[in-house]
Amino acid sequence: MRYQTGKQGRVFVCRLEDGEDLLKVLVGLCRKEDVKAAFFHVVGGMKSASIVVGPETEDMPPKPLYRKISESHEVTGTGTIFYAADEPRVHFHGAFGKKDTVKMGCLRDFSETFLVLEAVVIELTGIDAKRELDPASGMYLLKV
């Protein structure tokens, strides 16, 4: 295990409105407020999203297995934000539930808020971790 020690910086309490995209909002917040590293938690609703629910097989590079959220779901989850080059990269895993069905996965590509989605973003200071392209997996992985 590799790690760094940092401190908690600013705390942002965000309310996403109906139709907003969580990934785009978080990237925009990081650019506007010059947040270089963060941890966040989300609670609320989504009416559409694309999530990865695991690799199809254990082979490398992994081929993502996608599922779509195509109607309103309750959502809660947590994630991190670190830069890859000059771009904030969001890594969010959440649970998405509707009636008696729950899906859990990694949010990718897009999402659309249903009514309201709350996010608490906690800036991490003194951390210079980055996401770098891993040739074996083809994914941008955290480098500490």
N, C-alpha and C. Protein backbone atom coordinates (compact mmCIF):
# COMPACT_ATOMS: atom_id res chain seq x y z
N MET A 1 0.85 -1.18 0.00
CA MET A 1 0.00 0.00 0.00
C MET A 1 0.89 1.24 0.00
N ARG A 2 0.47 2.21 -0.77
CA ARG A 2 1.12 3.51 -0.80
C ARG A 2 0.13 4.54 -0.30
N TYR A 3 0.60 5.53 0.41
CA TYR A 3 -0.31 6.56 0.90
C TYR A 3 0.39 7.88 1.13
N GLN A 4 -0.40 8.91 1.26
CA GLN A 4 0.06 10.25 1.60
C GLN A 4 -0.80 10.76 2.74
N THR A 5 -0.27 11.72 3.46
CA THR A 5 -1.02 12.34 4.54
C THR A 5 -1.33 13.78 4.15
N GLY A 6 -2.57 14.16 4.32
CA GLY A 6 -3.00 15.52 4.02
C GLY A 6 -3.96 16.02 5.07
N LYS A 7 -4.64 17.10 4.72
CA LYS A 7 -5.61 17.70 5.64
C LYS A 7 -6.89 18.02 4.89
N GLN A 8 -7.94 18.19 5.68
CA GLN A 8 -9.22 18.60 5.13
C GLN A 8 -9.17 20.09 4.84
N GLY A 9 -9.59 20.45 3.64
CA GLY A 9 -9.65 21.86 3.26
C GLY A 9 -11.09 22.36 3.33
N ARG A 10 -11.49 23.05 2.30
CA ARG A 10 -12.84 23.61 2.26
C ARG A 10 -13.87 22.49 2.11
N VAL A 11 -15.09 22.79 2.55
CA VAL A 11 -16.21 21.87 2.41
C VAL A 11 -17.27 22.58 1.57
N PHE A 12 -17.73 21.91 0.53
CA PHE A 12 -18.75 22.45 -0.37
C PHE A 12 -20.03 21.62 -0.20
N VAL A 13 -21.12 22.29 0.05
CA VAL A 13 -22.43 21.63 0.10
C VAL A 13 -23.15 22.03 -1.18
N CYS A 14 -23.48 21.04 -2.01
CA CYS A 14 -24.01 21.30 -3.35
C CYS A 14 -25.41 20.72 -3.50
N ARG A 15 -26.25 21.45 -4.18
CA ARG A 15 -27.57 20.95 -4.55
C ARG A 15 -27.65 20.95 -6.07
N LEU A 16 -27.77 19.76 -6.63
CA LEU A 16 -27.96 19.64 -8.07
C LEU A 16 -29.44 19.66 -8.36
N GLU A 17 -29.81 20.39 -9.38
CA GLU A 17 -31.21 20.54 -9.77
C GLU A 17 -31.60 19.44 -10.75
N ASP A 18 -32.88 19.28 -10.94
CA ASP A 18 -33.44 18.30 -11.86
C ASP A 18 -32.76 18.42 -13.23
N GLY A 19 -32.25 17.31 -13.74
CA GLY A 19 -31.65 17.26 -15.06
C GLY A 19 -30.14 17.48 -15.09
N GLU A 20 -29.54 17.96 -14.01
CA GLU A 20 -28.09 18.20 -14.02
C GLU A 20 -27.32 16.88 -13.99
N ASP A 21 -26.12 16.90 -14.56
CA ASP A 21 -25.24 15.74 -14.64
C ASP A 21 -24.20 15.81 -13.51
N LEU A 22 -24.20 14.83 -12.62
CA LEU A 22 -23.31 14.82 -11.46
C LEU A 22 -21.85 14.95 -11.86
N LEU A 23 -21.40 14.17 -12.82
CA LEU A 23 -19.99 14.19 -13.21
C LEU A 23 -19.59 15.57 -13.73
N LYS A 24 -20.40 16.16 -14.58
CA LYS A 24 -20.08 17.49 -15.12
C LYS A 24 -20.10 18.56 -14.03
N VAL A 25 -21.05 18.48 -13.12
CA VAL A 25 -21.13 19.46 -12.03
C VAL A 25 -19.88 19.38 -11.15
N LEU A 26 -19.46 18.17 -10.79
CA LEU A 26 -18.28 18.03 -9.93
C LEU A 26 -17.00 18.50 -10.62
N VAL A 27 -16.84 18.18 -11.89
CA VAL A 27 -15.68 18.64 -12.65
C VAL A 27 -15.70 20.17 -12.72
N GLY A 28 -16.86 20.75 -12.98
CA GLY A 28 -16.99 22.21 -13.04
C GLY A 28 -16.66 22.88 -11.72
N LEU A 29 -17.13 22.29 -10.62
CA LEU A 29 -16.83 22.83 -9.28
C LEU A 29 -15.32 22.82 -9.04
N CYS A 30 -14.66 21.71 -9.37
CA CYS A 30 -13.21 21.62 -9.14
C CYS A 30 -12.44 22.64 -9.96
N ARG A 31 -12.86 22.85 -11.18
CA ARG A 31 -12.19 23.86 -12.02
C ARG A 31 -12.42 25.26 -11.47
N LYS A 32 -13.68 25.58 -11.16
CA LYS A 32 -14.02 26.92 -10.69
C LYS A 32 -13.33 27.26 -9.37
N GLU A 33 -13.31 26.29 -8.45
CA GLU A 33 -12.78 26.54 -7.10
C GLU A 33 -11.33 26.08 -6.93
N ASP A 34 -10.71 25.61 -8.01
CA ASP A 34 -9.32 25.14 -8.00
C ASP A 34 -9.10 24.05 -6.95
N VAL A 35 -10.01 23.07 -6.93
CA VAL A 35 -9.90 21.92 -6.04
C VAL A 35 -9.07 20.87 -6.77
N LYS A 36 -7.94 20.46 -6.19
CA LYS A 36 -7.04 19.50 -6.83
C LYS A 36 -7.25 18.07 -6.37
N ALA A 37 -7.86 17.89 -5.20
CA ALA A 37 -8.14 16.55 -4.68
C ALA A 37 -9.33 16.67 -3.74
N ALA A 38 -10.22 15.68 -3.78
CA ALA A 38 -11.42 15.75 -2.94
C ALA A 38 -12.02 14.38 -2.73
N PHE A 39 -12.83 14.32 -1.68
CA PHE A 39 -13.67 13.18 -1.34
C PHE A 39 -15.10 13.72 -1.33
N PHE A 40 -16.08 12.92 -1.76
CA PHE A 40 -17.46 13.43 -1.74
C PHE A 40 -18.44 12.31 -1.45
N HIS A 41 -19.60 12.74 -0.97
CA HIS A 41 -20.71 11.82 -0.71
C HIS A 41 -21.95 12.41 -1.38
N VAL A 42 -22.80 11.55 -1.91
CA VAL A 42 -23.98 11.95 -2.66
C VAL A 42 -25.21 11.25 -2.11
N VAL A 43 -26.34 11.97 -2.08
CA VAL A 43 -27.62 11.37 -1.71
C VAL A 43 -28.73 12.12 -2.47
N GLY A 44 -29.70 11.37 -2.98
CA GLY A 44 -30.80 12.00 -3.70
C GLY A 44 -31.37 11.09 -4.76
N GLY A 45 -31.68 11.69 -5.92
CA GLY A 45 -32.31 10.92 -6.97
C GLY A 45 -31.66 11.11 -8.33
N MET A 46 -31.69 10.05 -9.14
CA MET A 46 -31.24 10.11 -10.54
C MET A 46 -32.29 9.46 -11.40
N LYS A 47 -32.53 10.06 -12.57
CA LYS A 47 -33.49 9.47 -13.49
C LYS A 47 -32.84 8.80 -14.69
N SER A 48 -31.56 9.04 -14.89
CA SER A 48 -30.85 8.29 -15.92
C SER A 48 -29.36 8.32 -15.60
N ALA A 49 -28.69 7.24 -15.96
CA ALA A 49 -27.25 7.13 -15.72
C ALA A 49 -26.72 5.91 -16.44
N SER A 50 -25.40 5.89 -16.59
CA SER A 50 -24.69 4.73 -17.12
C SER A 50 -23.72 4.29 -16.02
N ILE A 51 -23.84 3.02 -15.60
CA ILE A 51 -22.96 2.53 -14.54
C ILE A 51 -22.25 1.25 -14.99
N VAL A 52 -21.06 1.06 -14.46
CA VAL A 52 -20.31 -0.17 -14.69
C VAL A 52 -20.53 -1.06 -13.48
N VAL A 53 -20.96 -2.30 -13.71
CA VAL A 53 -21.28 -3.23 -12.63
C VAL A 53 -20.23 -4.35 -12.51
N GLY A 54 -19.08 -4.12 -13.10
CA GLY A 54 -17.98 -5.07 -13.02
C GLY A 54 -17.42 -5.36 -14.38
N PRO A 55 -16.31 -6.07 -14.44
CA PRO A 55 -15.79 -6.50 -15.74
C PRO A 55 -16.55 -7.73 -16.22
N GLU A 56 -16.58 -7.91 -17.53
CA GLU A 56 -17.24 -9.10 -18.08
C GLU A 56 -16.48 -10.36 -17.67
N THR A 57 -15.14 -10.29 -17.66
CA THR A 57 -14.29 -11.41 -17.23
C THR A 57 -13.15 -10.83 -16.40
N GLU A 58 -12.30 -11.69 -15.90
CA GLU A 58 -11.14 -11.24 -15.11
C GLU A 58 -9.93 -10.95 -15.99
N ASP A 59 -10.07 -11.04 -17.30
CA ASP A 59 -8.95 -10.81 -18.22
C ASP A 59 -8.55 -9.34 -18.24
N MET A 60 -7.27 -9.11 -18.59
CA MET A 60 -6.76 -7.75 -18.72
C MET A 60 -6.54 -7.46 -20.19
N PRO A 61 -6.83 -6.26 -20.65
CA PRO A 61 -7.53 -5.22 -19.91
C PRO A 61 -9.00 -5.61 -19.72
N PRO A 62 -9.59 -5.18 -18.60
CA PRO A 62 -10.98 -5.55 -18.35
C PRO A 62 -11.94 -4.89 -19.33
N LYS A 63 -12.97 -5.64 -19.71
CA LYS A 63 -14.02 -5.09 -20.56
C LYS A 63 -15.19 -4.76 -19.64
N PRO A 64 -15.54 -3.45 -19.52
CA PRO A 64 -16.60 -3.05 -18.58
C PRO A 64 -17.96 -3.62 -18.96
N LEU A 65 -18.71 -4.01 -17.94
CA LEU A 65 -20.08 -4.49 -18.10
C LEU A 65 -21.00 -3.35 -17.67
N TYR A 66 -21.70 -2.74 -18.62
CA TYR A 66 -22.53 -1.56 -18.38
C TYR A 66 -23.98 -1.93 -18.08
N ARG A 67 -24.60 -1.09 -17.28
CA ARG A 67 -26.05 -1.12 -17.06
C ARG A 67 -26.54 0.32 -17.14
N LYS A 68 -27.74 0.48 -17.61
CA LYS A 68 -28.35 1.81 -17.72
C LYS A 68 -29.40 1.99 -16.63
N ILE A 69 -29.45 3.18 -16.10
CA ILE A 69 -30.54 3.61 -15.23
C ILE A 69 -31.43 4.45 -16.15
N SER A 70 -32.69 4.09 -16.28
CA SER A 70 -33.53 4.78 -17.27
C SER A 70 -34.85 5.30 -16.70
N GLU A 71 -34.95 5.32 -15.37
CA GLU A 71 -36.10 5.95 -14.73
C GLU A 71 -35.65 6.36 -13.33
N SER A 72 -36.47 7.11 -12.64
CA SER A 72 -36.07 7.64 -11.34
C SER A 72 -35.63 6.53 -10.37
N HIS A 73 -34.51 6.76 -9.70
CA HIS A 73 -33.95 5.86 -8.70
C HIS A 73 -33.46 6.68 -7.52
N GLU A 74 -33.54 6.11 -6.33
CA GLU A 74 -32.85 6.68 -5.18
C GLU A 74 -31.37 6.35 -5.35
N VAL A 75 -30.50 7.26 -4.90
CA VAL A 75 -29.07 7.00 -5.04
C VAL A 75 -28.32 7.50 -3.81
N THR A 76 -27.33 6.74 -3.43
CA THR A 76 -26.37 7.18 -2.42
C THR A 76 -25.03 6.57 -2.78
N GLY A 77 -23.97 7.28 -2.49
CA GLY A 77 -22.66 6.76 -2.81
C GLY A 77 -21.57 7.73 -2.42
N THR A 78 -20.36 7.31 -2.73
CA THR A 78 -19.19 8.09 -2.35
C THR A 78 -18.15 8.03 -3.46
N GLY A 79 -17.27 8.99 -3.46
CA GLY A 79 -16.26 9.00 -4.50
C GLY A 79 -15.09 9.91 -4.19
N THR A 80 -14.15 9.92 -5.14
CA THR A 80 -12.97 10.77 -5.04
C THR A 80 -12.79 11.54 -6.34
N ILE A 81 -12.04 12.62 -6.23
CA ILE A 81 -11.69 13.41 -7.40
C ILE A 81 -10.19 13.70 -7.33
N PHE A 82 -9.48 13.28 -8.36
CA PHE A 82 -8.06 13.59 -8.52
C PHE A 82 -7.83 13.92 -9.99
N TYR A 83 -6.79 14.65 -10.28
CA TYR A 83 -6.53 15.07 -11.64
C TYR A 83 -5.77 14.02 -12.43
N ALA A 84 -6.08 13.93 -13.72
CA ALA A 84 -5.28 13.21 -14.71
C ALA A 84 -4.85 14.30 -15.69
N ALA A 85 -3.55 14.59 -15.72
CA ALA A 85 -3.02 15.73 -16.47
C ALA A 85 -3.70 16.99 -15.94
N ASP A 86 -4.41 17.72 -16.80
CA ASP A 86 -5.06 18.96 -16.34
C ASP A 86 -6.57 18.82 -16.22
N GLU A 87 -7.05 17.58 -16.10
CA GLU A 87 -8.49 17.31 -16.07
C GLU A 87 -8.89 16.63 -14.75
N PRO A 88 -9.85 17.22 -14.01
CA PRO A 88 -10.36 16.52 -12.82
C PRO A 88 -11.07 15.23 -13.25
N ARG A 89 -10.75 14.12 -12.59
CA ARG A 89 -11.38 12.84 -12.90
C ARG A 89 -12.14 12.36 -11.67
N VAL A 90 -13.42 12.08 -11.86
CA VAL A 90 -14.30 11.66 -10.79
C VAL A 90 -14.40 10.14 -10.79
N HIS A 91 -14.29 9.55 -9.60
CA HIS A 91 -14.49 8.10 -9.42
C HIS A 91 -15.57 7.95 -8.36
N PHE A 92 -16.76 7.53 -8.80
CA PHE A 92 -17.93 7.46 -7.92
C PHE A 92 -18.56 6.07 -7.98
N HIS A 93 -18.74 5.46 -6.82
CA HIS A 93 -19.47 4.20 -6.71
C HIS A 93 -20.71 4.45 -5.88
N GLY A 94 -21.83 3.96 -6.37
CA GLY A 94 -23.07 4.20 -5.66
C GLY A 94 -24.05 3.04 -5.78
N ALA A 95 -25.07 3.13 -4.95
CA ALA A 95 -26.19 2.19 -5.00
C ALA A 95 -27.38 2.94 -5.56
N PHE A 96 -28.06 2.32 -6.51
CA PHE A 96 -29.18 2.93 -7.23
C PHE A 96 -30.38 2.02 -7.04
N GLY A 97 -31.41 2.51 -6.36
CA GLY A 97 -32.54 1.65 -6.02
C GLY A 97 -33.87 2.17 -6.52
N LYS A 98 -34.72 1.24 -6.94
CA LYS A 98 -36.09 1.53 -7.36
C LYS A 98 -36.96 0.37 -6.92
N LYS A 99 -37.95 0.64 -6.09
CA LYS A 99 -38.82 -0.41 -5.55
C LYS A 99 -37.97 -1.47 -4.87
N ASP A 100 -38.06 -2.73 -5.33
CA ASP A 100 -37.30 -3.81 -4.69
C ASP A 100 -36.01 -4.15 -5.43
N THR A 101 -35.60 -3.32 -6.38
CA THR A 101 -34.41 -3.59 -7.18
C THR A 101 -33.32 -2.59 -6.85
N VAL A 102 -32.14 -3.10 -6.58
CA VAL A 102 -30.99 -2.24 -6.30
C VAL A 102 -29.85 -2.65 -7.21
N LYS A 103 -29.23 -1.66 -7.84
CA LYS A 103 -28.03 -1.87 -8.63
C LYS A 103 -26.91 -1.11 -7.94
N MET A 104 -25.71 -1.65 -8.00
CA MET A 104 -24.56 -0.93 -7.48
C MET A 104 -23.51 -0.90 -8.55
N GLY A 105 -22.88 0.26 -8.70
CA GLY A 105 -21.86 0.34 -9.73
C GLY A 105 -21.12 1.65 -9.73
N CYS A 106 -20.23 1.75 -10.70
CA CYS A 106 -19.37 2.91 -10.90
C CYS A 106 -19.99 3.80 -11.98
N LEU A 107 -20.35 5.01 -11.63
CA LEU A 107 -20.98 5.93 -12.57
C LEU A 107 -19.99 6.31 -13.66
N ARG A 108 -20.42 6.16 -14.90
CA ARG A 108 -19.56 6.50 -16.05
C ARG A 108 -20.38 7.26 -17.08
N ASP A 109 -19.72 8.07 -17.82
CA ASP A 109 -20.26 8.74 -19.00
C ASP A 109 -21.28 9.82 -18.71
N PHE A 110 -22.41 9.49 -18.07
CA PHE A 110 -23.44 10.51 -17.89
C PHE A 110 -24.35 10.14 -16.73
N SER A 111 -25.07 11.16 -16.27
CA SER A 111 -26.14 10.95 -15.30
C SER A 111 -27.10 12.12 -15.42
N GLU A 112 -28.30 11.95 -14.91
CA GLU A 112 -29.30 13.01 -14.92
C GLU A 112 -30.03 12.98 -13.59
N THR A 113 -29.91 14.09 -12.88
CA THR A 113 -30.56 14.21 -11.58
C THR A 113 -32.07 14.13 -11.71
N PHE A 114 -32.69 13.45 -10.74
CA PHE A 114 -34.14 13.46 -10.61
C PHE A 114 -34.50 14.34 -9.42
N LEU A 115 -35.19 15.43 -9.68
CA LEU A 115 -35.64 16.38 -8.68
C LEU A 115 -34.48 17.07 -7.97
N VAL A 116 -33.78 16.36 -7.10
CA VAL A 116 -32.66 16.97 -6.37
C VAL A 116 -31.63 15.89 -6.01
N LEU A 117 -30.38 16.28 -6.06
CA LEU A 117 -29.28 15.42 -5.66
C LEU A 117 -28.35 16.29 -4.82
N GLU A 118 -28.04 15.83 -3.62
CA GLU A 118 -27.16 16.59 -2.73
C GLU A 118 -25.78 15.96 -2.74
N ALA A 119 -24.76 16.81 -2.75
CA ALA A 119 -23.38 16.33 -2.68
C ALA A 119 -22.63 17.17 -1.66
N VAL A 120 -21.87 16.51 -0.82
CA VAL A 120 -20.96 17.20 0.10
C VAL A 120 -19.56 16.85 -0.38
N VAL A 121 -18.81 17.87 -0.78
CA VAL A 121 -17.47 17.70 -1.34
C VAL A 121 -16.47 18.24 -0.32
N ILE A 122 -15.53 17.39 0.07
CA ILE A 122 -14.51 17.76 1.04
C ILE A 122 -13.17 17.82 0.33
N GLU A 123 -12.62 19.02 0.27
CA GLU A 123 -11.32 19.22 -0.36
C GLU A 123 -10.22 18.58 0.49
N LEU A 124 -9.27 17.94 -0.18
CA LEU A 124 -8.10 17.36 0.48
C LEU A 124 -6.89 18.22 0.12
N THR A 125 -6.19 18.72 1.13
CA THR A 125 -5.01 19.56 0.88
C THR A 125 -3.75 18.81 1.30
N GLY A 126 -2.62 19.21 0.72
CA GLY A 126 -1.35 18.57 1.03
C GLY A 126 -1.19 17.21 0.36
N ILE A 127 -2.06 16.92 -0.59
CA ILE A 127 -2.04 15.65 -1.33
C ILE A 127 -1.69 15.98 -2.78
N ASP A 128 -0.71 15.26 -3.35
CA ASP A 128 -0.40 15.48 -4.76
C ASP A 128 -0.64 14.23 -5.60
N ALA A 129 -1.53 13.36 -5.12
CA ALA A 129 -1.89 12.15 -5.86
C ALA A 129 -2.54 12.54 -7.18
N LYS A 130 -2.34 11.71 -8.19
CA LYS A 130 -2.89 11.94 -9.53
C LYS A 130 -3.44 10.63 -10.07
N ARG A 131 -4.25 10.74 -11.11
CA ARG A 131 -4.68 9.56 -11.86
C ARG A 131 -3.79 9.48 -13.10
N GLU A 132 -3.26 8.28 -13.35
CA GLU A 132 -2.42 8.07 -14.52
C GLU A 132 -2.91 6.85 -15.28
N LEU A 133 -2.74 6.90 -16.59
CA LEU A 133 -3.15 5.78 -17.43
C LEU A 133 -2.29 4.56 -17.13
N ASP A 134 -2.93 3.47 -16.76
CA ASP A 134 -2.27 2.20 -16.49
C ASP A 134 -2.31 1.37 -17.77
N PRO A 135 -1.16 1.09 -18.37
CA PRO A 135 -1.16 0.37 -19.65
C PRO A 135 -1.80 -1.02 -19.59
N ALA A 136 -1.67 -1.72 -18.48
CA ALA A 136 -2.21 -3.08 -18.38
C ALA A 136 -3.73 -3.10 -18.36
N SER A 137 -4.33 -2.15 -17.64
CA SER A 137 -5.79 -2.14 -17.51
C SER A 137 -6.46 -1.19 -18.50
N GLY A 138 -5.70 -0.22 -19.02
CA GLY A 138 -6.29 0.80 -19.88
C GLY A 138 -7.13 1.80 -19.12
N MET A 139 -6.98 1.82 -17.80
CA MET A 139 -7.78 2.71 -16.95
C MET A 139 -6.87 3.76 -16.30
N TYR A 140 -7.48 4.90 -15.93
CA TYR A 140 -6.76 5.93 -15.20
C TYR A 140 -6.83 5.60 -13.72
N LEU A 141 -5.72 5.09 -13.17
CA LEU A 141 -5.67 4.65 -11.78
C LEU A 141 -4.94 5.67 -10.91
N LEU A 142 -5.27 5.65 -9.64
CA LEU A 142 -4.66 6.56 -8.68
C LEU A 142 -3.19 6.23 -8.48
N LYS A 143 -2.35 7.26 -8.57
CA LYS A 143 -0.93 7.12 -8.28
C LYS A 143 -0.63 8.00 -7.09
N VAL A 144 -0.15 7.38 -6.01
CA VAL A 144 0.14 8.10 -4.77
C VAL A 144 1.64 8.23 -4.64
